[in-house]
Protein backbone atom coordinates (compact mmCIF):
# COMPACT_ATOMS: atom_id res chain seq x y z
CA MET A 1 26.10 8.73 14.69
CA PRO A 2 25.91 12.09 16.51
CA THR A 3 23.89 12.03 19.73
CA ASN A 4 22.57 15.55 19.49
CA LEU A 5 20.61 15.49 16.25
CA PRO A 6 17.33 17.43 16.52
CA PRO A 7 13.98 15.57 16.41
CA GLU A 8 13.21 17.23 13.05
CA TYR A 9 16.08 15.26 11.49
CA PHE A 10 14.51 11.89 12.27
CA LYS A 11 11.09 12.99 11.02
CA ILE A 12 12.64 14.06 7.71
CA GLU A 13 14.65 10.84 7.58
CA LYS A 14 11.42 8.84 7.94
CA ARG A 15 9.87 10.80 5.06
CA TYR A 16 12.98 10.07 3.00
CA GLY A 17 12.51 6.34 3.56
CA ASP A 18 8.86 6.54 2.50
CA GLU A 19 9.48 8.56 -0.68
CA GLN A 20 9.77 6.78 -4.03
CA GLY A 21 10.59 9.63 -6.43
CA THR A 22 14.17 10.80 -6.96
CA ASP A 23 13.32 14.51 -6.73
CA GLU A 24 11.48 13.98 -3.44
CA LYS A 25 14.38 11.98 -1.99
CA ILE A 26 16.86 14.70 -2.97
CA ALA A 27 14.64 17.35 -1.35
CA CYS A 28 14.51 15.32 1.88
CA LEU A 29 18.30 14.89 1.97
CA GLU A 30 18.83 18.60 1.43
CA GLU A 31 16.31 19.34 4.21
CA MET A 32 18.18 16.94 6.52
CA MET A 33 21.41 18.83 5.75
CA SER A 34 19.77 22.09 6.73
CA VAL A 35 18.75 20.95 10.23
CA ILE A 36 22.02 19.20 11.21
CA PRO A 37 24.13 21.23 13.68
CA LYS A 38 27.49 22.25 12.24
CA HIS A 39 30.34 20.88 14.36
CA LYS A 40 33.03 18.20 14.13
CA GLY A 41 30.68 15.50 15.40
CA THR A 42 28.47 15.88 12.31
CA ASP A 43 31.18 16.21 9.65
CA LYS A 44 31.00 12.55 8.64
CA LEU A 45 27.20 12.56 8.47
CA ARG A 46 27.13 15.75 6.40
CA ALA A 47 29.69 14.28 3.99
CA ASP A 48 27.60 11.14 3.64
CA LEU A 49 24.46 13.17 2.87
CA ARG A 50 26.29 15.23 0.24
CA LYS A 51 27.51 12.00 -1.38
CA ARG A 52 23.98 10.56 -1.47
CA ILE A 53 22.57 13.77 -2.97
CA SER A 54 25.24 13.76 -5.67
CA LYS A 55 24.60 10.09 -6.47
CA LEU A 56 20.83 10.61 -6.79
CA LYS A 57 21.25 13.68 -9.01
CA SER A 58 23.65 11.79 -11.30
CA ALA A 59 21.31 8.81 -11.57
CA ASP A 60 18.34 11.09 -12.27
CA HIS A 61 20.26 12.92 -14.99
CA SER A 62 21.20 9.64 -16.66
CA LYS A 63 17.62 8.41 -16.47
CA LYS A 64 16.23 11.58 -18.05
CA GLY A 65 18.81 11.34 -20.81
CA ALA A 66 17.84 7.82 -21.74
CA THR A 67 15.77 7.28 -24.88
CA ARG A 68 13.92 4.21 -23.64
CA LYS A 69 10.32 5.01 -22.71
CA GLU A 70 9.25 3.67 -19.36
CA SER A 71 5.97 1.75 -19.19
CA ALA A 72 2.98 3.56 -17.70
CA PHE A 73 2.33 0.40 -15.69
CA ASN A 74 5.58 0.76 -13.70
CA ILE A 75 3.94 2.50 -10.76
CA SER A 76 5.98 2.74 -7.58
CA LYS A 77 4.33 1.67 -4.35
CA GLU A 78 3.38 4.50 -2.03
CA GLY A 79 1.70 4.65 1.34
CA ALA A 80 0.78 1.65 3.48
CA GLY A 81 -0.02 -0.68 0.57
CA GLN A 82 -0.79 -0.89 -3.13
CA VAL A 83 -4.28 -2.05 -4.14
CA VAL A 84 -5.11 -2.62 -7.82
CA VAL A 85 -8.71 -2.33 -8.98
CA VAL A 86 -9.37 -4.62 -11.97
CA GLY A 87 -12.43 -5.62 -13.95
CA PRO A 88 -14.07 -5.54 -17.37
CA ALA A 89 -15.16 -2.31 -19.07
CA ASN A 90 -17.83 -0.11 -17.47
CA VAL A 91 -18.03 -1.80 -14.07
CA GLY A 92 -17.14 1.45 -12.25
CA LYS A 93 -13.39 1.18 -11.50
CA SER A 94 -12.65 4.80 -12.36
CA CYS A 95 -15.67 6.04 -10.40
CA LEU A 96 -14.53 4.10 -7.33
CA VAL A 97 -10.94 5.37 -7.42
CA SER A 98 -12.19 8.92 -7.95
CA ALA A 99 -14.58 8.61 -4.98
CA LEU A 100 -11.96 7.26 -2.58
CA THR A 101 -8.76 9.08 -3.58
CA ASN A 102 -7.29 12.34 -4.82
CA ALA A 103 -6.99 10.92 -8.35
CA SER A 104 -9.13 12.10 -11.26
CA PRO A 105 -9.38 9.25 -13.79
CA GLU A 106 -11.64 9.79 -16.79
CA ILE A 107 -15.15 8.58 -15.96
CA SER A 108 -17.34 7.66 -18.91
CA ASN A 109 -20.20 5.35 -19.86
CA ALA A 110 -18.37 4.59 -23.08
CA PRO A 111 -16.36 1.34 -23.00
CA HIS A 112 -12.56 1.41 -22.77
CA SER A 113 -12.30 5.05 -21.68
CA THR A 114 -9.38 4.08 -19.39
CA TRP A 115 -6.22 3.23 -21.35
CA LYS A 116 -3.57 3.86 -18.71
CA PRO A 117 -3.46 3.05 -14.99
CA THR A 118 -4.23 5.94 -12.66
CA PRO A 119 -2.95 5.84 -9.06
CA GLY A 120 -4.46 7.76 -6.17
CA MET A 121 -4.01 7.88 -2.40
CA MET A 122 -6.91 6.88 -0.14
CA PRO A 123 -6.79 8.35 3.39
CA PHE A 124 -7.73 5.94 6.16
CA LYS A 125 -7.42 7.13 9.75
CA ASP A 126 -3.80 8.38 9.91
CA ILE A 127 -2.32 6.48 6.93
CA GLN A 128 -2.65 6.50 3.14
CA ILE A 129 -3.38 3.47 0.94
CA GLN A 130 -2.61 3.53 -2.77
CA LEU A 131 -5.46 2.58 -5.14
CA ILE A 132 -4.85 2.13 -8.87
CA ASP A 133 -7.51 2.37 -11.56
CA THR A 134 -6.67 0.11 -14.52
CA PRO A 135 -7.69 -0.50 -18.14
CA PRO A 136 -10.28 -3.25 -18.71
CA LEU A 137 -9.24 -6.81 -17.98
CA SER A 138 -10.23 -8.54 -21.20
CA HIS A 139 -9.34 -11.55 -23.37
CA GLU A 140 -9.76 -9.39 -26.47
CA TYR A 141 -6.93 -6.97 -25.74
CA MET A 142 -4.75 -6.42 -22.70
CA GLU A 143 -1.27 -5.00 -22.27
CA ILE A 144 1.32 -7.22 -20.62
CA GLY A 145 2.15 -4.36 -18.27
CA LEU A 146 -1.24 -4.70 -16.60
CA LEU A 147 -0.49 -8.29 -15.58
CA ASP A 148 2.92 -7.24 -14.23
CA LEU A 149 1.26 -4.45 -12.23
CA ILE A 150 -1.19 -6.95 -10.73
CA ARG A 151 1.66 -9.33 -9.81
CA ARG A 152 3.52 -6.57 -7.94
CA SER A 153 0.49 -5.37 -5.99
CA ASP A 154 -0.38 -6.16 -2.37
CA LEU A 155 -4.10 -6.73 -2.94
CA VAL A 156 -6.38 -7.12 -5.98
CA LEU A 157 -9.98 -5.89 -6.06
CA LEU A 158 -11.99 -7.80 -8.67
CA MET A 159 -14.89 -5.50 -9.57
CA VAL A 160 -18.08 -6.74 -11.23
CA ASP A 161 -21.33 -5.06 -12.26
CA LEU A 162 -24.33 -6.42 -10.36
CA GLN A 163 -26.64 -5.23 -13.14
CA SER A 164 -24.83 -7.09 -15.93
CA ASP A 165 -24.12 -10.80 -15.32
CA PRO A 166 -21.55 -10.44 -12.52
CA PHE A 167 -20.98 -14.20 -12.28
CA GLN A 168 -19.81 -14.43 -15.89
CA GLN A 169 -17.62 -11.34 -15.45
CA LEU A 170 -15.95 -12.86 -12.41
CA ASP A 171 -15.54 -16.25 -14.06
CA GLU A 172 -13.82 -14.72 -17.10
CA MET A 173 -11.49 -12.58 -14.96
CA VAL A 174 -10.45 -15.46 -12.72
CA LYS A 175 -9.79 -17.68 -15.75
CA LEU A 176 -7.75 -14.98 -17.49
CA LEU A 177 -5.62 -14.42 -14.38
CA HIS A 178 -5.27 -18.16 -13.82
CA ASP A 179 -4.06 -18.62 -17.41
CA ASN A 180 -1.39 -16.03 -16.65
CA ARG A 181 -0.38 -17.79 -13.41
CA ILE A 182 -1.97 -15.28 -11.04
CA ILE A 183 -3.86 -17.18 -8.32
CA PRO A 184 -5.79 -16.10 -5.19
CA LEU A 185 -3.60 -16.43 -2.11
CA ARG A 186 -6.27 -18.47 -0.29
CA LEU A 187 -5.82 -21.27 -2.88
CA LYS A 188 -2.06 -21.50 -2.45
CA GLU A 189 -2.10 -24.95 -0.83
CA GLN A 190 -3.88 -26.38 -3.88
CA PHE A 191 -0.95 -25.39 -6.10
CA LEU A 192 1.99 -26.38 -3.89
CA GLU A 193 3.00 -29.18 -6.25
CA GLU A 194 2.91 -26.95 -9.32
CA LYS A 195 6.39 -26.48 -10.73
CA ARG A 196 5.57 -23.48 -12.90
CA ASN A 197 6.10 -19.97 -11.54
CA ILE A 198 2.89 -18.74 -9.89
CA THR A 199 2.07 -15.43 -8.24
CA PHE A 200 -0.26 -15.69 -5.25
CA ILE A 201 -2.09 -12.48 -4.28
CA PRO A 202 -5.04 -11.75 -1.96
CA PHE A 203 -8.24 -11.16 -3.96
CA HIS A 204 -11.43 -9.42 -2.85
CA ILE A 205 -14.60 -9.18 -4.94
CA LEU A 206 -16.41 -5.84 -5.21
CA ALA A 207 -19.99 -6.15 -6.47
CA ASN A 208 -20.64 -2.61 -7.72
CA LYS A 209 -23.88 -0.76 -8.51
CA ASN A 210 -25.67 -1.93 -5.38
CA ASP A 211 -27.01 1.59 -5.15
CA ASP A 212 -29.84 0.96 -2.64
CA GLU A 213 -31.99 -1.73 -1.04
CA THR A 214 -33.82 -2.40 -4.31
CA SER A 215 -30.68 -4.07 -5.72
CA ASP A 216 -29.97 -6.22 -2.65
CA GLU A 217 -31.71 -9.13 -4.34
CA HIS A 218 -29.07 -9.02 -7.10
CA VAL A 219 -26.41 -9.40 -4.40
CA ASN A 220 -28.16 -12.43 -2.89
CA ILE A 221 -28.47 -14.15 -6.27
CA PHE A 222 -24.81 -13.47 -7.07
CA CYS A 223 -23.67 -14.88 -3.73
CA GLU A 224 -25.76 -18.02 -4.26
CA LEU A 225 -24.09 -18.61 -7.63
CA LEU A 226 -20.61 -18.43 -6.13
CA GLU A 227 -19.38 -21.93 -5.35
CA ASP A 228 -16.14 -20.94 -3.64
CA ASP A 229 -15.89 -19.06 -0.37
CA TRP A 230 -14.95 -15.73 -1.95
CA PRO A 231 -14.45 -12.63 0.22
CA LEU A 232 -17.05 -10.21 -1.16
CA LEU A 233 -18.48 -6.76 -0.51
CA SER A 234 -21.35 -5.09 -2.37
CA ILE A 235 -20.85 -1.36 -2.92
CA SER A 236 -22.01 1.62 -4.90
CA ALA A 237 -19.22 3.80 -6.25
CA THR A 238 -21.78 6.48 -7.21
CA SER A 239 -23.95 6.68 -4.07
CA GLY A 240 -21.10 5.81 -1.68
CA ARG A 241 -22.88 2.81 -0.19
CA ASN A 242 -20.52 0.66 1.92
CA LEU A 243 -17.43 2.64 0.89
CA ASN A 244 -16.45 3.30 4.52
CA GLN A 245 -16.71 -0.42 5.15
CA LEU A 246 -14.49 -1.00 2.11
CA LYS A 247 -11.79 1.23 3.60
CA SER A 248 -11.72 -0.87 6.77
CA ILE A 249 -11.60 -4.08 4.73
CA LEU A 250 -8.62 -2.85 2.71
CA PHE A 251 -6.74 -2.08 5.91
CA LEU A 252 -7.46 -5.57 7.28
CA ARG A 253 -6.69 -7.40 4.03
CA LEU A 254 -3.32 -5.65 3.69
CA ASN A 255 -2.33 -7.37 6.94
CA ILE A 256 -0.71 -4.25 8.37
CA ILE A 257 -0.52 -2.45 11.71
CA ARG A 258 0.22 1.12 12.76
CA VAL A 259 2.87 1.67 15.42
CA TYR A 260 3.61 5.08 16.93
CA SER A 261 6.99 6.31 18.13
CA LYS A 262 7.69 8.05 21.42
CA THR A 263 10.81 9.92 22.46
CA PRO A 264 11.75 9.61 26.17
CA GLY A 265 10.25 12.48 28.15
CA ARG A 266 7.90 13.54 25.36
CA LEU A 267 4.39 12.75 24.16
CA ALA A 268 4.02 10.16 21.41
CA ASP A 269 3.75 11.32 17.80
CA MET A 270 0.21 10.15 16.97
CA LYS A 271 0.04 11.75 13.51
CA ALA A 272 2.66 9.78 11.56
CA PRO A 273 2.66 6.08 12.46
CA PHE A 274 5.15 3.56 11.16
CA VAL A 275 3.45 0.85 9.09
CA LEU A 276 4.49 -2.74 9.80
CA LYS A 277 3.14 -6.20 9.01
CA LYS A 278 1.07 -8.13 11.54
CA GLY A 279 3.39 -10.24 13.67
CA ASP A 280 6.32 -7.80 13.43
CA THR A 281 8.40 -7.25 16.55
CA VAL A 282 10.01 -4.36 18.41
CA GLU A 283 13.20 -5.18 16.51
CA LYS A 284 11.41 -4.66 13.18
CA PHE A 285 10.05 -1.35 14.45
CA ALA A 286 13.52 -0.20 15.52
CA ALA A 287 14.84 -0.94 12.03
CA LYS A 288 12.04 1.18 10.56
CA VAL A 289 12.87 4.13 12.82
CA HIS A 290 16.59 4.02 12.06
CA LYS A 291 18.91 1.32 10.73
CA ASP A 292 21.45 1.96 13.53
CA PHE A 293 18.85 1.33 16.24
CA VAL A 294 18.68 -2.42 15.56
CA ASP A 295 22.17 -3.16 16.87
CA LYS A 296 21.96 -0.60 19.67
CA LEU A 297 18.49 -1.59 20.88
CA LYS A 298 18.56 -2.75 24.51
CA ILE A 299 14.94 -2.58 25.59
CA ALA A 300 11.71 -0.79 24.78
CA LYS A 301 8.75 0.65 26.68
CA ILE A 302 5.28 -0.13 25.32
CA TRP A 303 1.84 1.40 25.66
CA GLY A 304 -0.91 -0.59 23.98
CA LYS A 305 -2.48 -4.03 23.71
CA ASP A 306 -1.63 -6.87 26.11
CA VAL A 307 0.72 -4.67 28.17
CA TYR A 308 0.40 -2.21 31.01
CA ASP A 309 1.34 1.41 30.28
CA GLY A 310 5.09 1.83 29.96
CA GLN A 311 5.86 -1.89 30.26
CA MET A 312 9.45 -2.87 29.50
CA VAL A 313 9.72 -5.47 26.72
CA GLN A 314 12.47 -7.23 24.79
CA ARG A 315 13.23 -6.87 21.08
CA ASP A 316 11.22 -10.02 20.21
CA HIS A 317 7.96 -8.60 21.64
CA ILE A 318 5.20 -8.80 19.00
CA LEU A 319 3.51 -5.48 18.30
CA HIS A 320 -0.18 -4.74 17.69
CA ASP A 321 -2.05 -2.07 15.80
CA GLY A 322 -2.04 1.20 17.75
CA ASP A 323 0.92 0.35 20.00
CA ILE A 324 3.20 3.16 21.16
CA VAL A 325 6.90 2.30 21.40
CA GLU A 326 9.72 4.12 23.18
CA ILE A 327 13.08 2.69 22.13
CA ARG A 328 15.93 2.59 24.63
CA ILE A 329 19.47 2.28 23.24
């Protein structure tokens, strides 16, 4: 790899790795081509980029020419994590996603106004988390694609209506998901001997329509009826009550950390963190920055938790949220 690539190249390359759409990936590759210096040392890299652009364009052309219709539930993951909001009709899923993201799902008091999933991006600090509004979760009618979407997600929000028998709503949802082999992650040990294929996902209950203090009693009654130790938050999607707290909970439940990169001799880039899982190491971070850095990594300098500023660490050093890393190769 050339040693004199400009910093803009690596920023674009990071965007390329985060993009899911073919058109966006092609645009990133073409932008990378435009910032690479033209000399013999970059000939191989430029040829590789041209090959990747050609391959993506061919695949996209073939996909657009296909007659098979892709399911609306095949939603690519974007941002720091994918969170699916599920629940029966009229509990406020669309209102919540609209309040927290850039999406505009149809909001109506009429039942079953949402027929297709609607994704949106929720900003939290300096990252984005994907929230997906979904059609009602119901025994009467439910598309198979909805269950597949839930299985692929990183976190499931089970939303109930505090004003309309929330305990029964939750009980029916949990049973429906259980019948389809979707189980809360916290119960995994109870199913270790099960031989059937089971998907374990973190669940979090949202008790909606807790608009003000006058409905707090409904929350207390609901919590008393719950026999299991469910993680729960009461909110109001219309008044905004506890929505900021919900954002923080989503970040924590996704089990992720933000790590910032620093180039030697320069200030750290504090606007575009790399998102890793809790417990990830410097080696994992290096792989995120660039695939070639893993083998070439010798040592790293860290600013953050449990270290002094600029401390030298090895590749197996465990990172924490907010750490700044300067890779030395």
